[in-house]
Amino acid sequence: MEKTILTDALGSCASLKGLVAAILRTDTYIRWELVSASCEGERCRAEFVSPSGEPGLEFCLTAENSPSGLRSHISIRCPDDVDALNKLSV
């Protein structure tokens, strides 16, 4: 079986795989690239980036799925701000 970024990054967490796959599959206008993904208990979180079309800027999407539901946050940042995704609140 050929491994993909989803199987490499997400391991065996089915709810996290579903969250990431849904975002990558449904957003046809913005092409997202998976940056990071994590799963702690019933809480799953994934972070994505996409070029914004403006030089020096990119879209950032953080999505979190938990028993209380799905929450997400989108913003625009400079790609060289490596800590920006860690500063986003979901």
PDB file of N, CA and C in Angstrom:
ATOM      1  N   MET A   1       0.842  -1.183   0.000  1.00  0.00           N
ATOM      2  CA  MET A   1       0.000   0.000   0.000  1.00  0.00           C
ATOM      3  C   MET A   1       0.889   1.249   0.000  1.00  0.00           C
ATOM      4  N   GLU A   2       0.607   2.172  -0.892  1.00  0.00           N
ATOM      5  CA  GLU A   2       1.389   3.399  -0.977  1.00  0.00           C
ATOM      6  C   GLU A   2       0.964   4.363   0.119  1.00  0.00           C
ATOM      7  N   LYS A   3       1.938   4.915   0.838  1.00  0.00           N
ATOM      8  CA  LYS A   3       1.633   5.860   1.911  1.00  0.00           C
ATOM      9  C   LYS A   3       1.438   7.254   1.334  1.00  0.00           C
ATOM     10  N   THR A   4       0.540   8.006   1.948  1.00  0.00           N
ATOM     11  CA  THR A   4       0.299   9.390   1.561  1.00  0.00           C
ATOM     12  C   THR A   4       0.655  10.273   2.740  1.00  0.00           C
ATOM     13  N   ILE A   5       0.613  11.596   2.542  1.00  0.00           N
ATOM     14  CA  ILE A   5       0.887  12.517   3.651  1.00  0.00           C
ATOM     15  C   ILE A   5      -0.099  12.288   4.791  1.00  0.00           C
ATOM     16  N   LEU A   6      -1.343  11.915   4.468  1.00  0.00           N
ATOM     17  CA  LEU A   6      -2.327  11.682   5.531  1.00  0.00           C
ATOM     18  C   LEU A   6      -1.930  10.499   6.395  1.00  0.00           C
ATOM     19  N   THR A   7      -1.550   9.390   5.784  1.00  0.00           N
ATOM     20  CA  THR A   7      -1.195   8.228   6.602  1.00  0.00           C
ATOM     21  C   THR A   7       0.106   8.460   7.346  1.00  0.00           C
ATOM     22  N   ASP A   8       1.049   9.165   6.741  1.00  0.00           N
ATOM     23  CA  ASP A   8       2.313   9.459   7.420  1.00  0.00           C
ATOM     24  C   ASP A   8       2.104  10.392   8.606  1.00  0.00           C
ATOM     25  N   ALA A   9       1.349  11.464   8.402  1.00  0.00           N
ATOM     26  CA  ALA A   9       1.214  12.502   9.423  1.00  0.00           C
ATOM     27  C   ALA A   9       0.188  12.169  10.489  1.00  0.00           C
ATOM     28  N   LEU A  10      -0.821  11.425  10.141  1.00  0.00           N
ATOM     29  CA  LEU A  10      -1.948  11.264  11.046  1.00  0.00           C
ATOM     30  C   LEU A  10      -2.010   9.930  11.761  1.00  0.00           C
ATOM     31  N   GLY A  11      -1.202   8.985  11.357  1.00  0.00           N
ATOM     32  CA  GLY A  11      -1.217   7.706  12.044  1.00  0.00           C
ATOM     33  C   GLY A  11      -2.560   7.017  11.938  1.00  0.00           C
ATOM     34  N   SER A  12      -3.069   6.540  13.052  1.00  0.00           N
ATOM     35  CA  SER A  12      -4.295   5.744  13.020  1.00  0.00           C
ATOM     36  C   SER A  12      -5.494   6.462  13.621  1.00  0.00           C
ATOM     37  N   CYS A  13      -5.432   7.773  13.790  1.00  0.00           N
ATOM     38  CA  CYS A  13      -6.540   8.525  14.383  1.00  0.00           C
ATOM     39  C   CYS A  13      -7.603   8.791  13.318  1.00  0.00           C
ATOM     40  N   ALA A  14      -8.663   8.002  13.311  1.00  0.00           N
ATOM     41  CA  ALA A  14      -9.683   8.086  12.264  1.00  0.00           C
ATOM     42  C   ALA A  14     -10.385   9.436  12.228  1.00  0.00           C
ATOM     43  N   SER A  15     -10.696  10.027  13.389  1.00  0.00           N
ATOM     44  CA  SER A  15     -11.401  11.311  13.380  1.00  0.00           C
ATOM     45  C   SER A  15     -10.516  12.426  12.844  1.00  0.00           C
ATOM     46  N   LEU A  16      -9.220  12.365  13.110  1.00  0.00           N
ATOM     47  CA  LEU A  16      -8.291  13.366  12.578  1.00  0.00           C
ATOM     48  C   LEU A  16      -8.125  13.181  11.073  1.00  0.00           C
ATOM     49  N   LYS A  17      -8.031  11.949  10.616  1.00  0.00           N
ATOM     50  CA  LYS A  17      -7.959  11.689   9.179  1.00  0.00           C
ATOM     51  C   LYS A  17      -9.194  12.243   8.484  1.00  0.00           C
ATOM     52  N   GLY A  18     -10.350  12.038   9.087  1.00  0.00           N
ATOM     53  CA  GLY A  18     -11.594  12.540   8.501  1.00  0.00           C
ATOM     54  C   GLY A  18     -11.626  14.050   8.417  1.00  0.00           C
ATOM     55  N   LEU A  19     -11.174  14.720   9.472  1.00  0.00           N
ATOM     56  CA  LEU A  19     -11.136  16.180   9.502  1.00  0.00           C
ATOM     57  C   LEU A  19     -10.229  16.713   8.403  1.00  0.00           C
ATOM     58  N   VAL A  20      -9.021  16.193   8.312  1.00  0.00           N
ATOM     59  CA  VAL A  20      -8.057  16.661   7.314  1.00  0.00           C
ATOM     60  C   VAL A  20      -8.538  16.334   5.904  1.00  0.00           C
ATOM     61  N   ALA A  21      -9.009  15.131   5.692  1.00  0.00           N
ATOM     62  CA  ALA A  21      -9.483  14.737   4.367  1.00  0.00           C
ATOM     63  C   ALA A  21     -10.646  15.612   3.912  1.00  0.00           C
ATOM     64  N   ALA A  22     -11.558  15.941   4.822  1.00  0.00           N
ATOM     65  CA  ALA A  22     -12.706  16.778   4.469  1.00  0.00           C
ATOM     66  C   ALA A  22     -12.262  18.168   4.028  1.00  0.00           C
ATOM     67  N   ILE A  23     -11.311  18.747   4.728  1.00  0.00           N
ATOM     68  CA  ILE A  23     -10.830  20.087   4.364  1.00  0.00           C
ATOM     69  C   ILE A  23     -10.086  20.049   3.036  1.00  0.00           C
ATOM     70  N   LEU A  24      -9.222  19.075   2.844  1.00  0.00           N
ATOM     71  CA  LEU A  24      -8.469  18.986   1.596  1.00  0.00           C
ATOM     72  C   LEU A  24      -9.375  18.675   0.409  1.00  0.00           C
ATOM     73  N   ARG A  25     -10.451  17.947   0.623  1.00  0.00           N
ATOM     74  CA  ARG A  25     -11.352  17.536  -0.449  1.00  0.00           C
ATOM     75  C   ARG A  25     -12.358  18.623  -0.817  1.00  0.00           C
ATOM     76  N   THR A  26     -12.884  19.356   0.170  1.00  0.00           N
ATOM     77  CA  THR A  26     -13.999  20.259  -0.097  1.00  0.00           C
ATOM     78  C   THR A  26     -13.600  21.652  -0.528  1.00  0.00           C
ATOM     79  N   ASP A  27     -12.406  22.103  -0.216  1.00  0.00           N
ATOM     80  CA  ASP A  27     -12.001  23.457  -0.584  1.00  0.00           C
ATOM     81  C   ASP A  27     -11.381  23.460  -1.971  1.00  0.00           C
ATOM     82  N   THR A  28     -12.208  23.769  -2.983  1.00  0.00           N
ATOM     83  CA  THR A  28     -11.713  23.773  -4.350  1.00  0.00           C
ATOM     84  C   THR A  28     -11.209  25.146  -4.770  1.00  0.00           C
ATOM     85  N   TYR A  29     -11.672  26.209  -4.155  1.00  0.00           N
ATOM     86  CA  TYR A  29     -11.206  27.553  -4.489  1.00  0.00           C
ATOM     87  C   TYR A  29      -9.830  27.815  -3.879  1.00  0.00           C
ATOM     88  N   ILE A  30      -9.663  27.418  -2.636  1.00  0.00           N
ATOM     89  CA  ILE A  30      -8.375  27.566  -1.958  1.00  0.00           C
ATOM     90  C   ILE A  30      -7.754  26.178  -1.843  1.00  0.00           C
ATOM     91  N   ARG A  31      -6.569  26.008  -2.388  1.00  0.00           N
ATOM     92  CA  ARG A  31      -5.858  24.724  -2.319  1.00  0.00           C
ATOM     93  C   ARG A  31      -5.009  24.691  -1.054  1.00  0.00           C
ATOM     94  N   TRP A  32      -5.449  23.913  -0.066  1.00  0.00           N
ATOM     95  CA  TRP A  32      -4.764  23.854   1.221  1.00  0.00           C
ATOM     96  C   TRP A  32      -3.641  22.837   1.208  1.00  0.00           C
ATOM     97  N   GLU A  33      -2.586  23.133   1.962  1.00  0.00           N
ATOM     98  CA  GLU A  33      -1.476  22.209   2.196  1.00  0.00           C
ATOM     99  C   GLU A  33      -1.410  21.938   3.697  1.00  0.00           C
ATOM    100  N   LEU A  34      -1.385  20.684   4.081  1.00  0.00           N
ATOM    101  CA  LEU A  34      -1.324  20.306   5.487  1.00  0.00           C
ATOM    102  C   LEU A  34       0.030  20.691   6.074  1.00  0.00           C
ATOM    103  N   VAL A  35       0.008  21.431   7.198  1.00  0.00           N
ATOM    104  CA  VAL A  35       1.230  21.845   7.888  1.00  0.00           C
ATOM    105  C   VAL A  35       1.479  20.951   9.093  1.00  0.00           C
ATOM    106  N   SER A  36       0.442  20.749   9.905  1.00  0.00           N
ATOM    107  CA  SER A  36       0.592  19.900  11.083  1.00  0.00           C
ATOM    108  C   SER A  36      -0.761  19.344  11.484  1.00  0.00           C
ATOM    109  N   ALA A  37      -0.719  18.259  12.234  1.00  0.00           N
ATOM    110  CA  ALA A  37      -1.941  17.627  12.726  1.00  0.00           C
ATOM    111  C   ALA A  37      -1.621  16.921  14.035  1.00  0.00           C
ATOM    112  N   SER A  38      -2.586  16.960  14.956  1.00  0.00           N
ATOM    113  CA  SER A  38      -2.386  16.285  16.236  1.00  0.00           C
ATOM    114  C   SER A  38      -3.720  15.801  16.776  1.00  0.00           C
ATOM    115  N   CYS A  39      -3.638  14.813  17.635  1.00  0.00           N
ATOM    116  CA  CYS A  39      -4.834  14.254  18.253  1.00  0.00           C
ATOM    117  C   CYS A  39      -4.512  13.971  19.714  1.00  0.00           C
ATOM    118  N   GLU A  40      -5.304  14.566  20.605  1.00  0.00           N
ATOM    119  CA  GLU A  40      -5.158  14.336  22.040  1.00  0.00           C
ATOM    120  C   GLU A  40      -6.506  13.902  22.580  1.00  0.00           C
ATOM    121  N   GLY A  41      -6.624  12.628  22.876  1.00  0.00           N
ATOM    122  CA  GLY A  41      -7.901  12.108  23.342  1.00  0.00           C
ATOM    123  C   GLY A  41      -8.958  12.256  22.258  1.00  0.00           C
ATOM    124  N   GLU A  42     -10.059  12.950  22.583  1.00  0.00           N
ATOM    125  CA  GLU A  42     -11.141  13.156  21.624  1.00  0.00           C
ATOM    126  C   GLU A  42     -11.001  14.470  20.866  1.00  0.00           C
ATOM    127  N   ARG A  43      -9.956  15.205  21.104  1.00  0.00           N
ATOM    128  CA  ARG A  43      -9.740  16.514  20.465  1.00  0.00           C
ATOM    129  C   ARG A  43      -8.687  16.375  19.358  1.00  0.00           C
ATOM    130  N   CYS A  44      -9.074  16.725  18.119  1.00  0.00           N
ATOM    131  CA  CYS A  44      -8.187  16.660  16.962  1.00  0.00           C
ATOM    132  C   CYS A  44      -7.990  18.060  16.403  1.00  0.00           C
ATOM    133  N   ARG A  45      -6.767  18.367  15.985  1.00  0.00           N
ATOM    134  CA  ARG A  45      -6.438  19.700  15.473  1.00  0.00           C
ATOM    135  C   ARG A  45      -5.569  19.556  14.227  1.00  0.00           C
ATOM    136  N   ALA A  46      -5.836  20.381  13.211  1.00  0.00           N
ATOM    137  CA  ALA A  46      -5.044  20.380  11.987  1.00  0.00           C
ATOM    138  C   ALA A  46      -4.819  21.819  11.534  1.00  0.00           C
ATOM    139  N   GLU A  47      -3.643  22.064  10.963  1.00  0.00           N
ATOM    140  CA  GLU A  47      -3.291  23.399  10.479  1.00  0.00           C
ATOM    141  C   GLU A  47      -2.874  23.306   9.019  1.00  0.00           C
ATOM    142  N   PHE A  48      -3.328  24.274   8.221  1.00  0.00           N
ATOM    143  CA  PHE A  48      -3.107  24.288   6.783  1.00  0.00           C
ATOM    144  C   PHE A  48      -2.635  25.664   6.340  1.00  0.00           C
ATOM    145  N   VAL A  49      -1.961  25.738   5.193  1.00  0.00           N
ATOM    146  CA  VAL A  49      -1.593  27.011   4.569  1.00  0.00           C
ATOM    147  C   VAL A  49      -1.916  26.935   3.079  1.00  0.00           C
ATOM    148  N   SER A  50      -2.084  28.126   2.474  1.00  0.00           N
ATOM    149  CA  SER A  50      -2.333  28.237   1.044  1.00  0.00           C
ATOM    150  C   SER A  50      -1.874  29.610   0.581  1.00  0.00           C
ATOM    151  N   PRO A  51      -1.264  29.716  -0.607  1.00  0.00           N
ATOM    152  CA  PRO A  51      -0.881  31.039  -1.105  1.00  0.00           C
ATOM    153  C   PRO A  51      -2.116  31.930  -1.234  1.00  0.00           C
ATOM    154  N   SER A  52      -1.978  33.211  -0.897  1.00  0.00           N
ATOM    155  CA  SER A  52      -3.129  34.120  -0.928  1.00  0.00           C
ATOM    156  C   SER A  52      -3.316  34.804  -2.269  1.00  0.00           C
ATOM    157  N   GLY A  53      -2.335  34.735  -3.135  1.00  0.00           N
ATOM    158  CA  GLY A  53      -2.403  35.467  -4.391  1.00  0.00           C
ATOM    159  C   GLY A  53      -1.699  36.808  -4.306  1.00  0.00           C
ATOM    160  N   GLU A  54      -1.449  37.274  -3.093  1.00  0.00           N
ATOM    161  CA  GLU A  54      -0.690  38.499  -2.858  1.00  0.00           C
ATOM    162  C   GLU A  54       0.746  38.115  -2.517  1.00  0.00           C
ATOM    163  N   PRO A  55       1.729  38.733  -3.153  1.00  0.00           N
ATOM    164  CA  PRO A  55       3.126  38.401  -2.838  1.00  0.00           C
ATOM    165  C   PRO A  55       3.434  38.606  -1.351  1.00  0.00           C
ATOM    166  N   GLY A  56       4.068  37.616  -0.744  1.00  0.00           N
ATOM    167  CA  GLY A  56       4.489  37.724   0.647  1.00  0.00           C
ATOM    168  C   GLY A  56       3.427  37.396   1.672  1.00  0.00           C
ATOM    169  N   LEU A  57       2.249  36.924   1.237  1.00  0.00           N
ATOM    170  CA  LEU A  57       1.182  36.575   2.181  1.00  0.00           C
ATOM    171  C   LEU A  57       0.646  35.184   1.872  1.00  0.00           C
ATOM    172  N   GLU A  58       0.113  34.509   2.901  1.00  0.00           N
ATOM    173  CA  GLU A  58      -0.549  33.225   2.705  1.00  0.00           C
ATOM    174  C   GLU A  58      -1.727  33.095   3.661  1.00  0.00           C
ATOM    175  N   PHE A  59      -2.720  32.307   3.240  1.00  0.00           N
ATOM    176  CA  PHE A  59      -3.856  31.997   4.095  1.00  0.00           C
ATOM    177  C   PHE A  59      -3.440  30.914   5.084  1.00  0.00           C
ATOM    178  N   CYS A  60      -3.951  30.989   6.297  1.00  0.00           N
ATOM    179  CA  CYS A  60      -3.730  29.962   7.320  1.00  0.00           C
ATOM    180  C   CYS A  60      -5.093  29.508   7.828  1.00  0.00           C
ATOM    181  N   LEU A  61      -5.286  28.218   7.942  1.00  0.00           N
ATOM    182  CA  LEU A  61      -6.526  27.655   8.459  1.00  0.00           C
ATOM    183  C   LEU A  61      -6.182  26.708   9.593  1.00  0.00           C
ATOM    184  N   THR A  62      -6.817  26.914  10.732  1.00  0.00           N
ATOM    185  CA  THR A  62      -6.691  26.002  11.859  1.00  0.00           C
ATOM    186  C   THR A  62      -8.079  25.435  12.130  1.00  0.00           C
ATOM    187  N   ALA A  63      -8.191  24.124  12.174  1.00  0.00           N
ATOM    188  CA  ALA A  63      -9.471  23.468  12.429  1.00  0.00           C
ATOM    189  C   ALA A  63      -9.311  22.515  13.605  1.00  0.00           C
ATOM    190  N   GLU A  64     -10.322  22.498  14.463  1.00  0.00           N
ATOM    191  CA  GLU A  64     -10.294  21.623  15.633  1.00  0.00           C
ATOM    192  C   GLU A  64     -11.639  20.924  15.756  1.00  0.00           C
ATOM    193  N   ASN A  65     -11.597  19.622  15.930  1.00  0.00           N
ATOM    194  CA  ASN A  65     -12.800  18.826  16.109  1.00  0.00           C
ATOM    195  C   ASN A  65     -12.751  18.205  17.497  1.00  0.00           C
ATOM    196  N   SER A  66     -13.814  18.410  18.274  1.00  0.00           N
ATOM    197  CA  SER A  66     -13.882  17.881  19.633  1.00  0.00           C
ATOM    198  C   SER A  66     -15.318  17.462  19.909  1.00  0.00           C
ATOM    199  N   PRO A  67     -15.584  16.868  21.069  1.00  0.00           N
ATOM    200  CA  PRO A  67     -16.956  16.489  21.393  1.00  0.00           C
ATOM    201  C   PRO A  67     -17.938  17.670  21.347  1.00  0.00           C
ATOM    202  N   SER A  68     -17.444  18.888  21.554  1.00  0.00           N
ATOM    203  CA  SER A  68     -18.337  20.055  21.508  1.00  0.00           C
ATOM    204  C   SER A  68     -18.566  20.561  20.087  1.00  0.00           C
ATOM    205  N   GLY A  69     -17.908  19.972  19.079  1.00  0.00           N
ATOM    206  CA  GLY A  69     -18.144  20.341  17.691  1.00  0.00           C
ATOM    207  C   GLY A  69     -16.889  20.770  16.960  1.00  0.00           C
ATOM    208  N   LEU A  70     -17.079  21.213  15.723  1.00  0.00           N
ATOM    209  CA  LEU A  70     -15.983  21.648  14.864  1.00  0.00           C
ATOM    210  C   LEU A  70     -15.841  23.156  14.954  1.00  0.00           C
ATOM    211  N   ARG A  71     -14.615  23.620  15.175  1.00  0.00           N
ATOM    212  CA  ARG A  71     -14.313  25.058  15.174  1.00  0.00           C
ATOM    213  C   ARG A  71     -13.150  25.285  14.228  1.00  0.00           C
ATOM    214  N   SER A  72     -13.157  26.450  13.572  1.00  0.00           N
ATOM    215  CA  SER A  72     -12.046  26.763  12.683  1.00  0.00           C
ATOM    216  C   SER A  72     -11.765  28.255  12.697  1.00  0.00           C
ATOM    217  N   HIS A  73     -10.557  28.598  12.271  1.00  0.00           N
ATOM    218  CA  HIS A  73     -10.116  29.991  12.225  1.00  0.00           C
ATOM    219  C   HIS A  73      -9.254  30.146  10.981  1.00  0.00           C
ATOM    220  N   ILE A  74      -9.528  31.196  10.201  1.00  0.00           N
ATOM    221  CA  ILE A  74      -8.718  31.469   9.022  1.00  0.00           C
ATOM    222  C   ILE A  74      -8.128  32.865   9.143  1.00  0.00           C
ATOM    223  N   SER A  75      -6.892  33.017   8.698  1.00  0.00           N
ATOM    224  CA  SER A  75      -6.224  34.315   8.760  1.00  0.00           C
ATOM    225  C   SER A  75      -5.242  34.418   7.601  1.00  0.00           C
ATOM    226  N   ILE A  76      -4.647  35.592   7.461  1.00  0.00           N
ATOM    227  CA  ILE A  76      -3.604  35.819   6.467  1.00  0.00           C
ATOM    228  C   ILE A  76      -2.341  36.205   7.220  1.00  0.00           C
ATOM    229  N   ARG A  77      -1.196  35.649   6.817  1.00  0.00           N
ATOM    230  CA  ARG A  77       0.062  35.956   7.493  1.00  0.00           C
ATOM    231  C   ARG A  77       1.201  35.983   6.486  1.00  0.00           C
ATOM    232  N   CYS A  78       2.335  36.465   6.930  1.00  0.00           N
ATOM    233  CA  CYS A  78       3.569  36.418   6.143  1.00  0.00           C
ATOM    234  C   CYS A  78       4.183  35.032   6.326  1.00  0.00           C
ATOM    235  N   PRO A  79       4.571  34.352   5.244  1.00  0.00           N
ATOM    236  CA  PRO A  79       5.135  33.000   5.371  1.00  0.00           C
ATOM    237  C   PRO A  79       6.375  32.918   6.243  1.00  0.00           C
ATOM    238  N   ASP A  80       7.135  34.001   6.362  1.00  0.00           N
ATOM    239  CA  ASP A  80       8.353  33.933   7.170  1.00  0.00           C
ATOM    240  C   ASP A  80       8.089  34.080   8.662  1.00  0.00           C
ATOM    241  N   ASP A  81       6.824  34.290   9.058  1.00  0.00           N
ATOM    242  CA  ASP A  81       6.455  34.324  10.477  1.00  0.00           C
ATOM    243  C   ASP A  81       6.201  32.887  10.914  1.00  0.00           C
ATOM    244  N   VAL A  82       7.271  32.156  11.215  1.00  0.00           N
ATOM    245  CA  VAL A  82       7.179  30.719  11.477  1.00  0.00           C
ATOM    246  C   VAL A  82       6.361  30.382  12.712  1.00  0.00           C
ATOM    247  N   ASP A  83       6.204  31.316  13.641  1.00  0.00           N
ATOM    248  CA  ASP A  83       5.458  31.052  14.866  1.00  0.00           C
ATOM    249  C   ASP A  83       3.999  31.481  14.749  1.00  0.00           C
ATOM    250  N   ALA A  84       3.574  31.981  13.603  1.00  0.00           N
ATOM    251  CA  ALA A  84       2.228  32.532  13.472  1.00  0.00           C
ATOM    252  C   ALA A  84       1.141  31.489  13.710  1.00  0.00           C
ATOM    253  N   LEU A  85       1.314  30.272  13.192  1.00  0.00           N
ATOM    254  CA  LEU A  85       0.280  29.262  13.385  1.00  0.00           C
ATOM    255  C   LEU A  85       0.106  28.920  14.856  1.00  0.00           C
ATOM    256  N   ASN A  86       1.166  29.004  15.636  1.00  0.00           N
ATOM    257  CA  ASN A  86       1.063  28.723  17.062  1.00  0.00           C
ATOM    258  C   ASN A  86       0.318  29.821  17.807  1.00  0.00           C
ATOM    259  N   LYS A  87       0.232  31.013  17.224  1.00  0.00           N
ATOM    260  CA  LYS A  87      -0.433  32.134  17.875  1.00  0.00           C
ATOM    261  C   LYS A  87      -1.924  32.189  17.564  1.00  0.00           C
ATOM    262  N   LEU A  88      -2.385  31.406  16.573  1.00  0.00           N
ATOM    263  CA  LEU A  88      -3.787  31.453  16.186  1.00  0.00           C
ATOM    264  C   LEU A  88      -4.659  30.834  17.264  1.00  0.00           C
ATOM    265  N   SER A  89      -5.821  31.435  17.494  1.00  0.00           N
ATOM    266  CA  SER A  89      -6.780  30.828  18.413  1.00  0.00           C
ATOM    267  C   SER A  89      -7.890  30.199  17.600  1.00  0.00           C
ATOM    268  N   VAL A  90      -8.332  29.054  18.034  1.00  0.00           N
ATOM    269  CA  VAL A  90      -9.384  28.339  17.311  1.00  0.00           C
ATOM    270  C   VAL A  90     -10.702  28.637  17.967  1.00  0.00           C
TER     271      VAL A  90
END
